[in-house]
């Protein structure tokens, strides 16, 4: 196995991922102290209780997130979320917010996890993270569909311009069964090529989005 690089944010009590959505509540359902009354002397366990919305931390969007008849998390083939050949697209700081098709033109993207490195994750857990973040344009999404990408990830607040209520990038990508991973981190530690990418969510029925432990295995 090659070197593994974690590309996920840590989910913790009180974390705000998306303004307007509640932070997770993480607490004990069974405490270690209480468990001692249930087991033999010297034996104890802890069971957590977690209350949170699905769009928390680093998460994956399946087609059901956008389309009522799209695949939900339980219907995803493991080959679509695990050990995908990956490519990293670097967005220069001076490029501006809108990431157009020009950064993807001429790249071999068919069947790949396309990871867009903007560096915006440096603002994670700050007010800056929610404002002025980079996003993909509808034209970029159309090129990714035509190129046959399998998954698109980004290390910013949203893959879409949130001022556009049509959400063209989600619509085009998920409409073509191209999965999305948002709120990534650590893409600066990856090479442009020579990696395998995984982002596997829990197998929930009737759920379109859920946190993942996204990571890359470096193969070169």
C-alpha atoms as a PDB file:
ATOM      1  CA  UNK A   1       0.000   0.000   0.000  1.00  0.00           C
ATOM      2  CA  UNK A   2       1.247   3.478  -0.848  1.00  0.00           C
ATOM      3  CA  UNK A   3       1.201   6.532   1.387  1.00  0.00           C
ATOM      4  CA  UNK A   4      -2.302   7.533   2.546  1.00  0.00           C
ATOM      5  CA  UNK A   5      -3.281  11.223   2.706  1.00  0.00           C
ATOM      6  CA  UNK A   6      -6.350  12.260   4.725  1.00  0.00           C
ATOM      7  CA  UNK A   7      -8.494  14.772   2.840  1.00  0.00           C
ATOM      8  CA  UNK A   8     -11.310  15.156   5.396  1.00  0.00           C
ATOM      9  CA  UNK A   9     -12.158  17.726   8.040  1.00  0.00           C
ATOM     10  CA  UNK A  10     -12.787  16.523  11.596  1.00  0.00           C
ATOM     11  CA  UNK A  11     -16.425  16.588  12.715  1.00  0.00           C
ATOM     12  CA  UNK A  12     -16.829  17.782  16.281  1.00  0.00           C
ATOM     13  CA  UNK A  13     -19.444  19.177  18.633  1.00  0.00           C
ATOM     14  CA  UNK A  14     -20.586  22.638  17.515  1.00  0.00           C
ATOM     15  CA  UNK A  15     -19.002  22.534  14.042  1.00  0.00           C
ATOM     16  CA  UNK A  16     -20.721  24.818  11.515  1.00  0.00           C
ATOM     17  CA  UNK A  17     -20.188  23.499   7.998  1.00  0.00           C
ATOM     18  CA  UNK A  18     -22.876  25.466   6.185  1.00  0.00           C
ATOM     19  CA  UNK A  19     -24.448  28.643   7.538  1.00  0.00           C
ATOM     20  CA  UNK A  20     -28.124  28.120   8.308  1.00  0.00           C
ATOM     21  CA  UNK A  21     -27.711  24.421   9.083  1.00  0.00           C
ATOM     22  CA  UNK A  22     -27.323  23.283  12.694  1.00  0.00           C
ATOM     23  CA  UNK A  23     -24.065  22.078  14.162  1.00  0.00           C
ATOM     24  CA  UNK A  24     -23.796  18.439  15.233  1.00  0.00           C
ATOM     25  CA  UNK A  25     -24.629  17.451  18.802  1.00  0.00           C
ATOM     26  CA  UNK A  26     -22.306  14.709  20.027  1.00  0.00           C
ATOM     27  CA  UNK A  27     -22.881  13.213  23.457  1.00  0.00           C
ATOM     28  CA  UNK A  28     -23.002   9.966  25.434  1.00  0.00           C
ATOM     29  CA  UNK A  29     -25.977   7.669  25.019  1.00  0.00           C
ATOM     30  CA  UNK A  30     -24.439   5.219  27.496  1.00  0.00           C
ATOM     31  CA  UNK A  31     -21.628   6.570  29.645  1.00  0.00           C
ATOM     32  CA  UNK A  32     -18.757   4.435  30.846  1.00  0.00           C
ATOM     33  CA  UNK A  33     -19.942   5.007  34.389  1.00  0.00           C
ATOM     34  CA  UNK A  34     -23.441   3.733  33.632  1.00  0.00           C
ATOM     35  CA  UNK A  35     -22.122   0.784  31.635  1.00  0.00           C
ATOM     36  CA  UNK A  36     -20.309  -0.534  34.717  1.00  0.00           C
ATOM     37  CA  UNK A  37     -23.719  -1.426  36.163  1.00  0.00           C
ATOM     38  CA  UNK A  38     -24.442  -3.564  33.098  1.00  0.00           C
ATOM     39  CA  UNK A  39     -21.281  -5.670  32.823  1.00  0.00           C
ATOM     40  CA  UNK A  40     -18.861  -7.673  34.926  1.00  0.00           C
ATOM     41  CA  UNK A  41     -16.487  -5.864  37.264  1.00  0.00           C
ATOM     42  CA  UNK A  42     -13.716  -4.099  35.329  1.00  0.00           C
ATOM     43  CA  UNK A  43     -15.679  -4.096  32.062  1.00  0.00           C
ATOM     44  CA  UNK A  44     -17.049  -0.854  30.615  1.00  0.00           C
ATOM     45  CA  UNK A  45     -18.171   0.595  27.283  1.00  0.00           C
ATOM     46  CA  UNK A  46     -19.215   3.951  25.863  1.00  0.00           C
ATOM     47  CA  UNK A  47     -21.908   4.428  23.201  1.00  0.00           C
ATOM     48  CA  UNK A  48     -22.217   7.849  21.564  1.00  0.00           C
ATOM     49  CA  UNK A  49     -25.332   9.616  20.368  1.00  0.00           C
ATOM     50  CA  UNK A  50     -24.980  11.939  17.377  1.00  0.00           C
ATOM     51  CA  UNK A  51     -27.573  14.353  16.048  1.00  0.00           C
ATOM     52  CA  UNK A  52     -26.653  16.145  12.846  1.00  0.00           C
ATOM     53  CA  UNK A  53     -27.762  17.079   9.354  1.00  0.00           C
ATOM     54  CA  UNK A  54     -26.260  15.045   6.546  1.00  0.00           C
ATOM     55  CA  UNK A  55     -24.365  18.048   5.099  1.00  0.00           C
ATOM     56  CA  UNK A  56     -21.716  18.134   7.823  1.00  0.00           C
ATOM     57  CA  UNK A  57     -17.938  18.168   7.472  1.00  0.00           C
ATOM     58  CA  UNK A  58     -16.490  16.689   4.299  1.00  0.00           C
ATOM     59  CA  UNK A  59     -19.428  15.023   2.550  1.00  0.00           C
ATOM     60  CA  UNK A  60     -20.480  13.308  -0.653  1.00  0.00           C
ATOM     61  CA  UNK A  61     -23.496  14.240  -2.772  1.00  0.00           C
ATOM     62  CA  UNK A  62     -25.277  11.453  -4.651  1.00  0.00           C
ATOM     63  CA  UNK A  63     -27.838  12.099  -7.412  1.00  0.00           C
ATOM     64  CA  UNK A  64     -30.725  11.742  -4.912  1.00  0.00           C
ATOM     65  CA  UNK A  65     -29.526  14.958  -3.255  1.00  0.00           C
ATOM     66  CA  UNK A  66     -30.711  16.859  -6.355  1.00  0.00           C
ATOM     67  CA  UNK A  67     -33.141  14.505  -8.076  1.00  0.00           C
ATOM     68  CA  UNK A  68     -36.018  12.587  -6.470  1.00  0.00           C
ATOM     69  CA  UNK A  69     -35.466   9.650  -8.818  1.00  0.00           C
ATOM     70  CA  UNK A  70     -31.664   9.693  -8.561  1.00  0.00           C
ATOM     71  CA  UNK A  71     -29.494   7.084  -6.839  1.00  0.00           C
ATOM     72  CA  UNK A  72     -29.316   7.439  -3.068  1.00  0.00           C
ATOM     73  CA  UNK A  73     -26.320   6.459  -0.946  1.00  0.00           C
ATOM     74  CA  UNK A  74     -27.451   2.847  -0.619  1.00  0.00           C
ATOM     75  CA  UNK A  75     -27.508   2.432  -4.400  1.00  0.00           C
ATOM     76  CA  UNK A  76     -23.969   3.621  -5.128  1.00  0.00           C
ATOM     77  CA  UNK A  77     -21.596   1.037  -6.542  1.00  0.00           C
ATOM     78  CA  UNK A  78     -18.484   0.812  -4.379  1.00  0.00           C
ATOM     79  CA  UNK A  79     -16.415   1.251  -7.525  1.00  0.00           C
ATOM     80  CA  UNK A  80     -17.837   4.771  -7.824  1.00  0.00           C
ATOM     81  CA  UNK A  81     -16.540   5.881  -4.406  1.00  0.00           C
ATOM     82  CA  UNK A  82     -13.452   3.756  -3.704  1.00  0.00           C
ATOM     83  CA  UNK A  83      -9.976   3.526  -5.250  1.00  0.00           C
ATOM     84  CA  UNK A  84     -10.726   5.822  -8.179  1.00  0.00           C
ATOM     85  CA  UNK A  85      -7.877   6.997 -10.366  1.00  0.00           C
ATOM     86  CA  UNK A  86      -7.469  10.641  -9.364  1.00  0.00           C
ATOM     87  CA  UNK A  87      -6.235  13.870 -10.899  1.00  0.00           C
ATOM     88  CA  UNK A  88      -5.720  17.201  -9.116  1.00  0.00           C
ATOM     89  CA  UNK A  89      -6.573  20.462 -10.873  1.00  0.00           C
ATOM     90  CA  UNK A  90      -4.737  23.458  -9.358  1.00  0.00           C
ATOM     91  CA  UNK A  91      -6.497  26.816  -9.325  1.00  0.00           C
ATOM     92  CA  UNK A  92      -4.030  29.734  -9.130  1.00  0.00           C
ATOM     93  CA  UNK A  93      -4.730  32.260  -6.385  1.00  0.00           C
ATOM     94  CA  UNK A  94      -4.994  35.052  -8.937  1.00  0.00           C
ATOM     95  CA  UNK A  95      -7.566  33.128 -10.984  1.00  0.00           C
ATOM     96  CA  UNK A  96     -10.620  34.576  -9.210  1.00  0.00           C
ATOM     97  CA  UNK A  97     -13.748  32.915  -7.884  1.00  0.00           C
ATOM     98  CA  UNK A  98     -15.294  31.443 -11.032  1.00  0.00           C
ATOM     99  CA  UNK A  99     -13.468  28.289 -12.165  1.00  0.00           C
ATOM    100  CA  UNK A 100     -14.223  27.848 -15.839  1.00  0.00           C
ATOM    101  CA  UNK A 101     -13.737  25.054 -18.335  1.00  0.00           C
ATOM    102  CA  UNK A 102     -10.308  26.310 -19.404  1.00  0.00           C
ATOM    103  CA  UNK A 103      -8.605  24.698 -16.399  1.00  0.00           C
ATOM    104  CA  UNK A 104      -9.961  21.278 -17.393  1.00  0.00           C
ATOM    105  CA  UNK A 105      -9.514  21.504 -21.167  1.00  0.00           C
ATOM    106  CA  UNK A 106      -7.051  19.025 -22.613  1.00  0.00           C
ATOM    107  CA  UNK A 107      -6.839  16.916 -19.452  1.00  0.00           C
ATOM    108  CA  UNK A 108      -7.535  13.173 -19.412  1.00  0.00           C
ATOM    109  CA  UNK A 109     -10.534  13.012 -17.057  1.00  0.00           C
ATOM    110  CA  UNK A 110     -12.539   9.986 -18.202  1.00  0.00           C
ATOM    111  CA  UNK A 111     -13.410   7.689 -15.299  1.00  0.00           C
ATOM    112  CA  UNK A 112     -11.420   9.789 -12.835  1.00  0.00           C
ATOM    113  CA  UNK A 113     -11.964  11.560  -9.556  1.00  0.00           C
ATOM    114  CA  UNK A 114     -11.249  15.184 -10.428  1.00  0.00           C
ATOM    115  CA  UNK A 115     -10.093  17.043  -7.302  1.00  0.00           C
ATOM    116  CA  UNK A 116     -10.122  20.842  -7.549  1.00  0.00           C
ATOM    117  CA  UNK A 117      -7.482  22.421  -5.331  1.00  0.00           C
ATOM    118  CA  UNK A 118      -8.273  26.072  -4.534  1.00  0.00           C
ATOM    119  CA  UNK A 119      -6.652  26.337  -1.094  1.00  0.00           C
ATOM    120  CA  UNK A 120      -9.889  27.746   0.353  1.00  0.00           C
ATOM    121  CA  UNK A 121      -9.775  25.147   3.149  1.00  0.00           C
ATOM    122  CA  UNK A 122      -7.292  27.442   4.892  1.00  0.00           C
ATOM    123  CA  UNK A 123     -10.350  29.451   6.019  1.00  0.00           C
ATOM    124  CA  UNK A 124     -12.118  26.426   7.566  1.00  0.00           C
ATOM    125  CA  UNK A 125     -13.873  27.217  10.877  1.00  0.00           C
ATOM    126  CA  UNK A 126     -13.727  30.956  10.203  1.00  0.00           C
ATOM    127  CA  UNK A 127     -16.300  33.467   8.937  1.00  0.00           C
ATOM    128  CA  UNK A 128     -14.179  33.978   5.817  1.00  0.00           C
ATOM    129  CA  UNK A 129     -14.916  30.399   4.738  1.00  0.00           C
ATOM    130  CA  UNK A 130     -18.545  31.252   3.942  1.00  0.00           C
ATOM    131  CA  UNK A 131     -17.919  34.355   1.833  1.00  0.00           C
ATOM    132  CA  UNK A 132     -16.183  34.846  -1.503  1.00  0.00           C
ATOM    133  CA  UNK A 133     -15.285  31.194  -2.000  1.00  0.00           C
ATOM    134  CA  UNK A 134     -14.263  29.777  -5.409  1.00  0.00           C
ATOM    135  CA  UNK A 135     -16.747  27.651  -7.372  1.00  0.00           C
ATOM    136  CA  UNK A 136     -17.138  25.894 -10.706  1.00  0.00           C
ATOM    137  CA  UNK A 137     -19.095  27.427 -13.574  1.00  0.00           C
ATOM    138  CA  UNK A 138     -21.826  25.660 -15.484  1.00  0.00           C
ATOM    139  CA  UNK A 139     -19.492  25.514 -18.492  1.00  0.00           C
ATOM    140  CA  UNK A 140     -16.876  23.712 -16.408  1.00  0.00           C
ATOM    141  CA  UNK A 141     -19.507  21.223 -15.247  1.00  0.00           C
ATOM    142  CA  UNK A 142     -20.587  20.623 -18.842  1.00  0.00           C
ATOM    143  CA  UNK A 143     -16.992  19.888 -19.868  1.00  0.00           C
ATOM    144  CA  UNK A 144     -16.606  17.457 -16.953  1.00  0.00           C
ATOM    145  CA  UNK A 145     -19.755  15.650 -18.052  1.00  0.00           C
ATOM    146  CA  UNK A 146     -18.567  15.460 -21.661  1.00  0.00           C
ATOM    147  CA  UNK A 147     -15.112  14.296 -20.520  1.00  0.00           C
ATOM    148  CA  UNK A 148     -16.652  11.422 -18.548  1.00  0.00           C
ATOM    149  CA  UNK A 149     -15.426  12.269 -15.049  1.00  0.00           C
ATOM    150  CA  UNK A 150     -16.655   9.871 -12.338  1.00  0.00           C
ATOM    151  CA  UNK A 151     -16.475  12.213  -9.331  1.00  0.00           C
ATOM    152  CA  UNK A 152     -15.604  15.862  -8.718  1.00  0.00           C
ATOM    153  CA  UNK A 153     -14.297  17.159  -5.399  1.00  0.00           C
ATOM    154  CA  UNK A 154     -13.471  20.661  -4.208  1.00  0.00           C
ATOM    155  CA  UNK A 155     -11.895  22.164  -1.088  1.00  0.00           C
ATOM    156  CA  UNK A 156     -14.245  25.141  -0.791  1.00  0.00           C
ATOM    157  CA  UNK A 157     -17.670  25.990   0.628  1.00  0.00           C
ATOM    158  CA  UNK A 158     -19.707  24.881  -2.383  1.00  0.00           C
ATOM    159  CA  UNK A 159     -19.031  23.596  -5.874  1.00  0.00           C
ATOM    160  CA  UNK A 160     -21.734  26.003  -7.138  1.00  0.00           C
ATOM    161  CA  UNK A 161     -22.047  29.766  -6.987  1.00  0.00           C
ATOM    162  CA  UNK A 162     -24.619  30.049  -4.194  1.00  0.00           C
ATOM    163  CA  UNK A 163     -25.958  33.268  -5.713  1.00  0.00           C
ATOM    164  CA  UNK A 164     -27.286  31.156  -8.591  1.00  0.00           C
ATOM    165  CA  UNK A 165     -30.338  29.411  -7.175  1.00  0.00           C
ATOM    166  CA  UNK A 166     -30.497  27.063 -10.164  1.00  0.00           C
ATOM    167  CA  UNK A 167     -27.324  25.368  -8.889  1.00  0.00           C
ATOM    168  CA  UNK A 168     -26.128  24.480 -12.416  1.00  0.00           C
ATOM    169  CA  UNK A 169     -23.060  22.494 -11.343  1.00  0.00           C
ATOM    170  CA  UNK A 170     -24.973  20.205  -8.981  1.00  0.00           C
ATOM    171  CA  UNK A 171     -27.658  19.851 -11.626  1.00  0.00           C
ATOM    172  CA  UNK A 172     -25.312  18.947 -14.494  1.00  0.00           C
ATOM    173  CA  UNK A 173     -22.964  16.680 -12.529  1.00  0.00           C
ATOM    174  CA  UNK A 174     -25.522  14.796 -10.455  1.00  0.00           C
ATOM    175  CA  UNK A 175     -27.814  14.607 -13.485  1.00  0.00           C
ATOM    176  CA  UNK A 176     -25.020  12.688 -15.211  1.00  0.00           C
ATOM    177  CA  UNK A 177     -24.458  10.484 -12.104  1.00  0.00           C
ATOM    178  CA  UNK A 178     -21.143  12.217 -11.394  1.00  0.00           C
ATOM    179  CA  UNK A 179     -20.703  12.299  -7.625  1.00  0.00           C
ATOM    180  CA  UNK A 180     -19.614  15.429  -5.740  1.00  0.00           C
ATOM    181  CA  UNK A 181     -17.430  15.782  -2.632  1.00  0.00           C
ATOM    182  CA  UNK A 182     -17.403  19.220  -0.980  1.00  0.00           C
ATOM    183  CA  UNK A 183     -15.436  20.757   1.915  1.00  0.00           C
ATOM    184  CA  UNK A 184     -12.273  18.793   1.233  1.00  0.00           C
ATOM    185  CA  UNK A 185      -8.901  19.652   2.745  1.00  0.00           C
ATOM    186  CA  UNK A 186      -5.231  18.863   2.293  1.00  0.00           C
ATOM    187  CA  UNK A 187      -5.169  18.731  -1.507  1.00  0.00           C
ATOM    188  CA  UNK A 188      -1.851  20.580  -1.447  1.00  0.00           C
ATOM    189  CA  UNK A 189      -0.271  17.346  -0.197  1.00  0.00           C
ATOM    190  CA  UNK A 190      -1.213  15.433  -3.350  1.00  0.00           C
ATOM    191  CA  UNK A 191       0.619  15.141  -6.671  1.00  0.00           C
ATOM    192  CA  UNK A 192      -1.248  16.148  -9.806  1.00  0.00           C
ATOM    193  CA  UNK A 193      -1.468  12.484 -10.867  1.00  0.00           C
ATOM    194  CA  UNK A 194      -0.497   9.086  -9.528  1.00  0.00           C
ATOM    195  CA  UNK A 195      -3.142   8.661  -6.824  1.00  0.00           C
ATOM    196  CA  UNK A 196      -6.196   6.595  -5.959  1.00  0.00           C
ATOM    197  CA  UNK A 197      -9.094   8.428  -4.320  1.00  0.00           C
ATOM    198  CA  UNK A 198     -11.749   7.100  -1.932  1.00  0.00           C
ATOM    199  CA  UNK A 199     -14.733   8.794  -0.262  1.00  0.00           C
ATOM    200  CA  UNK A 200     -17.126   6.154   1.063  1.00  0.00           C
ATOM    201  CA  UNK A 201     -20.346   7.192   2.837  1.00  0.00           C
ATOM    202  CA  UNK A 202     -22.568   5.070   5.077  1.00  0.00           C
ATOM    203  CA  UNK A 203     -25.049   2.914   3.122  1.00  0.00           C
ATOM    204  CA  UNK A 204     -28.231   4.853   3.974  1.00  0.00           C
ATOM    205  CA  UNK A 205     -31.511   4.302   2.129  1.00  0.00           C
ATOM    206  CA  UNK A 206     -33.395   7.465   1.179  1.00  0.00           C
ATOM    207  CA  UNK A 207     -30.433   9.767   1.921  1.00  0.00           C
ATOM    208  CA  UNK A 208     -28.549  11.714  -0.743  1.00  0.00           C
ATOM    209  CA  UNK A 209     -25.682  13.280   1.186  1.00  0.00           C
ATOM    210  CA  UNK A 210     -23.477  12.153   4.083  1.00  0.00           C
ATOM    211  CA  UNK A 211     -20.007  12.720   5.570  1.00  0.00           C
ATOM    212  CA  UNK A 212     -17.125  10.650   4.223  1.00  0.00           C
ATOM    213  CA  UNK A 213     -13.569   9.881   5.257  1.00  0.00           C
ATOM    214  CA  UNK A 214     -12.026  11.066   2.023  1.00  0.00           C
ATOM    215  CA  UNK A 215      -8.429  10.021   1.414  1.00  0.00           C
ATOM    216  CA  UNK A 216      -5.924   9.391  -1.337  1.00  0.00           C
ATOM    217  CA  UNK A 217      -3.408   6.618  -1.761  1.00  0.00           C
ATOM    218  CA  UNK A 218      -0.298   7.779  -3.569  1.00  0.00           C
ATOM    219  CA  UNK A 219       0.671   5.190  -6.162  1.00  0.00           C
ATOM    220  CA  UNK A 220       3.782   6.743  -7.739  1.00  0.00           C
END
